[in-house]
Amino acid sequence: MEQKIKNAEVTLIAGPCSINEKNIREVYSLSEMEVKNRFGEMQRALTGVRIVGVKSRTGYTEKEGAMGIDREVFVNNMRSYAQGGGIKDMKMLPSITMSDEFIRKTGMMVATEIVAPLIQVPLCDKVLRDHELLLWTPAVLQIGWNLMEMYECSKRNAWKLGIKNPKWVGKESDGLNSMEKTWLGIGTYVPQIHDIIYIHRGVDVAESGSYRNLPLHESARKVKKLSGKKMYFDPSHTFGPKMKDQIVDGTIEAMKMMVGENEYLYDGVLIEAGTSETDTEQHITHSELQSLINKLSTFRDIVPPKEQKKIVSASGSTIK
């Protein structure tokens, strides 16, 4: 008797690397995408979208758009906080206002990167408390206390918290390399009852070749087995600009990988699509995203948005 796959469903989150007033229309067009499921019915093709207002960067830059639409307000809020101010003294981040409007119109989940939990998450809680969110820690920020701050600021909302793997590999001991130990260790800062998702985005090593970051699927398997948590794949930061033409097929291959006889390795995909002021050279087009969706739906069920609202066009009007 054929064993039933226990995680046949896959969460698919797509959108630009960072949001601004130019590409927010692209995000609305993502809500229009549809796919025929295995029952022959048309359904929403994406579970959620990326709306990222401020990016983590190795070096700080004043270049317009390089850090995201929230940069100016974010920095001013940080200065206010450093001088003894609180949430009441902070101005709302533009990306949060955009997220609220988008969710209300489409019913879709929003995913965003958090670089300073005490500055960003309370503002998310103020406006997006009743919405479904995925907040993730960037790969350049590998401190468990930051994840704990995210949890403490959002625990009443039961939002999903994502942990991207560290960028290094390191030496191995007791069957785990230092990257795997750190990745797992960060997750221990949050109570087990909270919904933690590990996100694999490859590692920056000399052996990467044309990959932006070399994928270590075996490390993802180890972490998933040891943690018992869901695992997402980030193909954009893995394949990068030099292998952009391989992102669609590479993602499909990853979504077929198994962690056991009846369980897929990856439970979701976090992918960059469209255009952006940041990292746009590693984005796939919306047409390529639709191709990925069509291929993925032939062997896995894409999780639709929880709120089955009418699809909204890029102009913000509803489509019958």
Protein backbone atom coordinates (compact mmCIF):
# COMPACT_ATOMS: atom_id res chain seq x y z
CA MET A 1 0.00 0.00 0.00
CA GLU A 2 1.38 3.41 -1.01
CA GLN A 3 2.27 5.61 1.95
CA LYS A 4 0.55 8.98 2.20
CA ILE A 5 2.89 11.99 2.09
CA LYS A 6 2.28 13.87 5.34
CA ASN A 7 3.30 17.28 3.99
CA ALA A 8 2.04 17.17 0.40
CA GLU A 9 0.93 20.81 0.74
CA VAL A 10 3.51 23.53 0.04
CA THR A 11 3.44 27.20 1.07
CA LEU A 12 4.53 29.51 -1.75
CA ILE A 13 5.56 33.09 -0.92
CA ALA A 14 6.83 35.42 -3.65
CA GLY A 15 7.51 39.08 -4.29
CA PRO A 16 10.26 41.66 -4.63
CA CYS A 17 13.38 41.74 -2.46
CA SER A 18 12.22 45.06 -0.99
CA ILE A 19 9.06 47.10 -1.46
CA ASN A 20 8.63 50.68 -2.67
CA GLU A 21 5.97 52.89 -4.23
CA LYS A 22 7.02 51.74 -7.73
CA ASN A 23 6.72 47.97 -7.32
CA ILE A 24 3.78 47.73 -4.90
CA ARG A 25 1.54 47.40 -7.98
CA GLU A 26 3.52 44.29 -8.93
CA VAL A 27 2.67 42.76 -5.57
CA TYR A 28 -1.04 43.31 -6.20
CA SER A 29 -0.66 41.56 -9.57
CA LEU A 30 0.65 38.51 -7.70
CA SER A 31 -2.73 38.18 -6.01
CA GLU A 32 -4.27 37.73 -9.47
CA MET A 33 -2.29 34.58 -10.21
CA GLU A 34 -4.25 31.34 -10.37
CA VAL A 35 -3.46 27.67 -10.89
CA LYS A 36 -5.49 24.54 -11.51
CA ASN A 37 -5.18 22.22 -8.52
CA ARG A 38 -5.22 18.42 -8.64
CA PHE A 39 -9.02 18.44 -8.34
CA GLY A 40 -9.24 20.41 -11.59
CA GLU A 41 -10.37 23.58 -9.81
CA MET A 42 -8.85 27.03 -10.22
CA GLN A 43 -7.44 28.46 -7.00
CA ARG A 44 -5.19 31.29 -5.81
CA ALA A 45 -1.65 30.42 -6.86
CA LEU A 46 0.28 31.98 -3.97
CA THR A 47 -0.08 31.60 -0.22
CA GLY A 48 1.49 34.97 0.50
CA VAL A 49 3.76 37.76 -0.68
CA ARG A 50 6.98 39.48 0.38
CA ILE A 51 6.58 43.08 1.59
CA VAL A 52 10.00 44.03 2.98
CA GLY A 53 10.50 47.65 4.04
CA VAL A 54 14.08 47.65 5.32
CA LYS A 55 16.90 45.33 4.26
CA SER A 56 19.81 43.89 6.20
CA ARG A 57 23.11 44.80 4.55
CA THR A 58 26.74 44.02 5.33
CA GLY A 59 27.61 47.71 4.75
CA TYR A 60 25.42 50.71 5.50
CA THR A 61 24.59 52.90 2.52
CA GLU A 62 22.83 56.23 2.02
CA LYS A 63 22.04 55.43 -1.62
CA GLU A 64 18.34 55.98 -2.27
CA GLY A 65 16.41 52.71 -2.27
CA ALA A 66 19.40 50.58 -1.24
CA MET A 67 18.02 49.88 2.23
CA GLY A 68 14.29 49.92 1.46
CA ILE A 69 11.39 52.36 1.70
CA ASP A 70 11.37 52.27 5.53
CA ARG A 71 14.99 53.38 5.98
CA GLU A 72 14.46 57.04 6.91
CA VAL A 73 11.57 56.44 9.30
CA PHE A 74 13.28 53.35 10.70
CA VAL A 75 16.49 55.27 11.53
CA ASN A 76 14.52 58.12 13.15
CA ASN A 77 12.56 55.61 15.24
CA MET A 78 15.83 54.00 16.33
CA ARG A 79 17.19 57.36 17.42
CA SER A 80 14.01 58.07 19.34
CA TYR A 81 14.23 54.68 21.05
CA ALA A 82 17.90 55.28 21.95
CA GLN A 83 16.90 58.56 23.64
CA GLY A 84 14.33 56.84 25.85
CA GLY A 85 11.31 56.93 23.55
CA GLY A 86 8.81 54.12 23.19
CA ILE A 87 6.28 52.74 20.73
CA LYS A 88 4.05 55.81 21.22
CA ASP A 89 6.89 58.04 20.03
CA MET A 90 7.59 56.09 16.85
CA LYS A 91 6.18 56.90 13.42
CA MET A 92 4.53 54.14 11.42
CA LEU A 93 6.77 52.41 8.87
CA PRO A 94 5.51 52.82 5.27
CA SER A 95 5.78 49.09 4.51
CA ILE A 96 3.45 48.24 7.40
CA THR A 97 0.80 50.61 6.05
CA MET A 98 1.24 49.02 2.61
CA SER A 99 0.94 45.54 4.13
CA ASP A 100 -2.27 46.41 5.97
CA GLU A 101 -3.93 47.74 2.83
CA PHE A 102 -2.74 44.78 0.76
CA ILE A 103 -3.97 42.17 3.24
CA ARG A 104 -7.36 43.86 3.63
CA LYS A 105 -7.85 43.86 -0.14
CA THR A 106 -6.52 40.36 -0.90
CA GLY A 107 -6.67 38.25 2.27
CA MET A 108 -3.14 37.01 1.60
CA MET A 109 -0.34 36.41 4.09
CA VAL A 110 2.56 38.88 4.20
CA ALA A 111 6.17 37.89 4.89
CA THR A 112 8.87 40.35 5.90
CA GLU A 113 12.43 40.54 7.17
CA ILE A 114 13.03 41.88 10.69
CA VAL A 115 16.37 43.55 11.39
CA ALA A 116 15.52 45.29 14.70
CA PRO A 117 12.64 43.55 16.50
CA LEU A 118 12.02 46.22 19.16
CA ILE A 119 11.68 48.88 16.46
CA GLN A 120 9.66 46.95 13.87
CA VAL A 121 7.57 44.25 15.55
CA PRO A 122 5.61 46.49 18.00
CA LEU A 123 4.56 48.61 15.02
CA CYS A 124 3.51 45.46 13.16
CA ASP A 125 1.49 44.48 16.23
CA LYS A 126 -0.16 47.89 16.33
CA VAL A 127 -1.53 47.63 12.78
CA LEU A 128 -1.32 43.99 11.66
CA ARG A 129 -2.32 42.24 14.88
CA ASP A 130 -5.22 40.33 13.34
CA HIS A 131 -3.44 39.42 10.11
CA GLU A 132 -1.33 36.40 9.16
CA LEU A 133 2.40 37.19 9.03
CA LEU A 134 5.74 35.45 8.61
CA LEU A 135 8.58 37.41 10.21
CA TRP A 136 12.09 36.13 9.55
CA THR A 137 15.58 36.84 10.86
CA PRO A 138 18.17 37.66 8.16
CA ALA A 139 21.19 35.44 7.55
CA VAL A 140 23.57 38.22 8.65
CA LEU A 141 21.91 38.41 12.10
CA GLN A 142 22.51 35.17 13.97
CA ILE A 143 21.61 35.98 17.58
CA GLY A 144 18.97 34.01 19.45
CA TRP A 145 18.03 36.98 21.61
CA ASN A 146 16.74 38.80 18.52
CA LEU A 147 14.36 35.92 17.84
CA MET A 148 13.24 36.03 21.47
CA GLU A 149 12.47 39.75 21.07
CA MET A 150 10.41 38.93 17.97
CA TYR A 151 8.52 36.30 19.96
CA GLU A 152 7.87 38.51 22.99
CA CYS A 153 6.52 41.29 20.77
CA SER A 154 4.24 38.99 18.78
CA LYS A 155 3.36 35.95 20.91
CA ARG A 156 -0.30 36.92 21.35
CA ASN A 157 -0.67 36.93 17.55
CA ALA A 158 0.84 33.48 16.92
CA TRP A 159 2.64 34.81 13.86
CA LYS A 160 5.10 32.50 12.14
CA LEU A 161 8.77 33.20 12.90
CA GLY A 162 11.39 32.25 10.31
CA ILE A 163 15.09 31.58 10.87
CA LYS A 164 17.46 31.79 7.92
CA ASN A 165 20.61 29.71 8.19
CA PRO A 166 23.97 31.38 8.93
CA LYS A 167 26.18 32.17 5.92
CA TRP A 168 29.18 30.09 7.01
CA VAL A 169 29.72 26.32 7.48
CA GLY A 170 32.47 25.94 10.07
CA LYS A 171 34.02 22.88 11.63
CA GLU A 172 32.11 19.72 12.50
CA SER A 173 31.78 18.04 15.86
CA ASP A 174 29.29 15.50 17.20
CA GLY A 175 27.83 15.07 13.71
CA LEU A 176 26.93 18.75 13.19
CA ASN A 177 28.89 21.65 11.72
CA SER A 178 28.85 25.03 13.45
CA MET A 179 26.30 26.43 10.98
CA GLU A 180 23.84 23.63 11.77
CA LYS A 181 24.42 24.02 15.53
CA THR A 182 23.85 27.78 15.38
CA TRP A 183 20.76 27.41 13.16
CA LEU A 184 19.23 24.91 15.58
CA GLY A 185 20.37 26.86 18.63
CA ILE A 186 18.60 30.06 17.60
CA GLY A 187 15.31 28.17 17.52
CA THR A 188 15.66 27.23 21.20
CA TYR A 189 15.13 30.86 22.22
CA VAL A 190 11.43 30.52 21.40
CA PRO A 191 8.99 28.23 23.27
CA GLN A 192 8.19 25.05 21.36
CA ILE A 193 4.52 25.99 21.16
CA HIS A 194 5.32 28.83 18.75
CA ASP A 195 5.39 28.23 14.98
CA ILE A 196 9.07 28.25 13.98
CA ILE A 197 10.10 27.81 10.34
CA TYR A 198 13.69 27.22 9.27
CA ILE A 199 14.64 28.79 5.91
CA HIS A 200 17.55 27.44 3.86
CA ARG A 201 19.27 30.07 1.68
CA GLY A 202 22.62 28.39 1.01
CA VAL A 203 26.07 29.21 2.41
CA ASP A 204 28.84 31.53 1.26
CA VAL A 205 31.87 29.29 0.81
CA ALA A 206 34.79 29.06 -1.63
CA GLU A 207 33.23 25.98 -3.25
CA SER A 208 30.05 27.86 -4.26
CA GLY A 209 31.05 28.12 -7.92
CA SER A 210 28.36 30.04 -9.83
CA TYR A 211 25.87 29.75 -6.95
CA ARG A 212 25.45 32.94 -4.96
CA ASN A 213 25.28 30.66 -1.94
CA LEU A 214 25.89 26.93 -2.13
CA PRO A 215 22.79 24.90 -1.18
CA LEU A 216 23.37 22.36 1.60
CA HIS A 217 20.21 20.27 1.43
CA GLU A 218 21.71 17.66 3.75
CA SER A 219 22.09 20.33 6.44
CA ALA A 220 18.45 21.26 5.91
CA ARG A 221 17.52 17.57 6.39
CA LYS A 222 19.48 17.37 9.65
CA VAL A 223 17.93 20.53 11.06
CA LYS A 224 14.43 19.49 10.07
CA LYS A 225 14.82 16.04 11.63
CA LEU A 226 16.35 17.33 14.86
CA SER A 227 13.97 20.28 15.31
CA GLY A 228 10.74 18.71 14.11
CA LYS A 229 9.91 22.08 12.51
CA LYS A 230 8.97 23.08 8.97
CA MET A 231 11.68 23.89 6.42
CA TYR A 232 11.38 26.44 3.59
CA PHE A 233 13.74 26.92 0.63
CA ASP A 234 15.01 30.32 -0.56
CA PRO A 235 16.18 29.73 -4.16
CA SER A 236 16.83 33.41 -4.93
CA HIS A 237 19.73 33.77 -2.50
CA THR A 238 20.93 30.27 -3.38
CA PHE A 239 21.13 30.49 -7.17
CA GLY A 240 21.65 34.25 -7.41
CA PRO A 241 22.13 36.32 -10.57
CA LYS A 242 24.65 34.04 -12.31
CA MET A 243 22.26 31.07 -12.17
CA LYS A 244 18.98 32.96 -12.42
CA ASP A 245 17.96 30.88 -15.44
CA GLN A 246 18.10 27.76 -13.25
CA ILE A 247 15.92 29.04 -10.39
CA VAL A 248 12.62 27.58 -11.66
CA ASP A 249 13.93 24.07 -12.40
CA GLY A 250 16.17 24.11 -9.32
CA THR A 251 13.21 24.97 -7.10
CA ILE A 252 11.12 22.18 -8.60
CA GLU A 253 13.97 19.73 -7.96
CA ALA A 254 14.23 20.90 -4.34
CA MET A 255 10.48 20.55 -3.80
CA LYS A 256 10.76 16.87 -4.79
CA MET A 257 13.48 16.10 -2.22
CA MET A 258 12.50 13.83 0.66
CA VAL A 259 13.49 13.68 4.31
CA GLY A 260 11.93 10.25 4.75
CA GLU A 261 9.78 7.79 2.84
CA ASN A 262 6.61 9.79 3.39
CA GLU A 263 7.78 13.37 3.96
CA TYR A 264 9.09 16.08 1.67
CA LEU A 265 12.16 17.98 2.83
CA TYR A 266 10.74 21.42 2.08
CA ASP A 267 7.37 22.68 3.28
CA GLY A 268 7.56 26.03 1.51
CA VAL A 269 9.30 28.39 -0.90
CA LEU A 270 10.34 32.00 -0.25
CA ILE A 271 11.26 33.44 -3.63
CA GLU A 272 11.99 36.85 -5.16
CA ALA A 273 9.96 37.76 -8.24
CA GLY A 274 9.39 40.96 -10.22
CA THR A 275 11.59 44.03 -9.87
CA SER A 276 13.18 45.81 -6.93
CA GLU A 277 15.66 48.55 -6.02
CA THR A 278 17.61 45.80 -4.22
CA ASP A 279 18.93 42.52 -5.68
CA THR A 280 16.66 42.73 -8.73
CA GLU A 281 19.25 40.81 -10.79
CA GLN A 282 18.31 37.60 -8.97
CA HIS A 283 14.53 37.98 -9.34
CA ILE A 284 12.57 35.75 -11.67
CA THR A 285 9.85 37.34 -13.78
CA HIS A 286 6.16 36.94 -13.01
CA SER A 287 5.90 34.79 -16.13
CA GLU A 288 8.64 32.51 -14.80
CA LEU A 289 6.89 32.44 -11.44
CA GLN A 290 3.67 31.29 -13.12
CA SER A 291 5.66 28.54 -14.87
CA LEU A 292 7.08 27.47 -11.50
CA ILE A 293 3.59 27.43 -10.00
CA ASN A 294 2.19 25.33 -12.85
CA LYS A 295 4.99 22.77 -12.55
CA LEU A 296 4.79 22.64 -8.77
CA SER A 297 1.03 22.06 -8.79
CA THR A 298 1.43 18.81 -10.76
CA PHE A 299 2.87 16.97 -7.76
CA ARG A 300 2.17 19.13 -4.69
CA ASP A 301 -0.82 21.07 -3.40
CA ILE A 302 -0.19 24.81 -3.06
CA VAL A 303 -1.67 26.25 0.14
CA PRO A 304 -4.15 29.00 -0.82
CA PRO A 305 -4.66 32.12 1.31
CA LYS A 306 -6.81 31.48 4.38
CA GLU A 307 -9.15 34.30 3.44
CA GLN A 308 -10.70 33.44 0.11
CA LYS A 309 -11.43 36.99 -0.96
CA LYS A 310 -12.00 38.08 -4.53
CA ILE A 311 -8.80 38.49 -6.49
CA VAL A 312 -7.57 42.09 -6.64
CA SER A 313 -5.98 43.61 -9.72
CA ALA A 314 -2.73 45.56 -9.76
CA SER A 315 -4.78 48.78 -9.76
CA GLY A 316 -6.50 47.72 -6.56
CA SER A 317 -9.91 46.95 -8.11
CA THR A 318 -11.59 43.59 -7.60
CA ILE A 319 -11.80 41.06 -10.42
CA LYS A 320 -15.05 39.15 -10.75
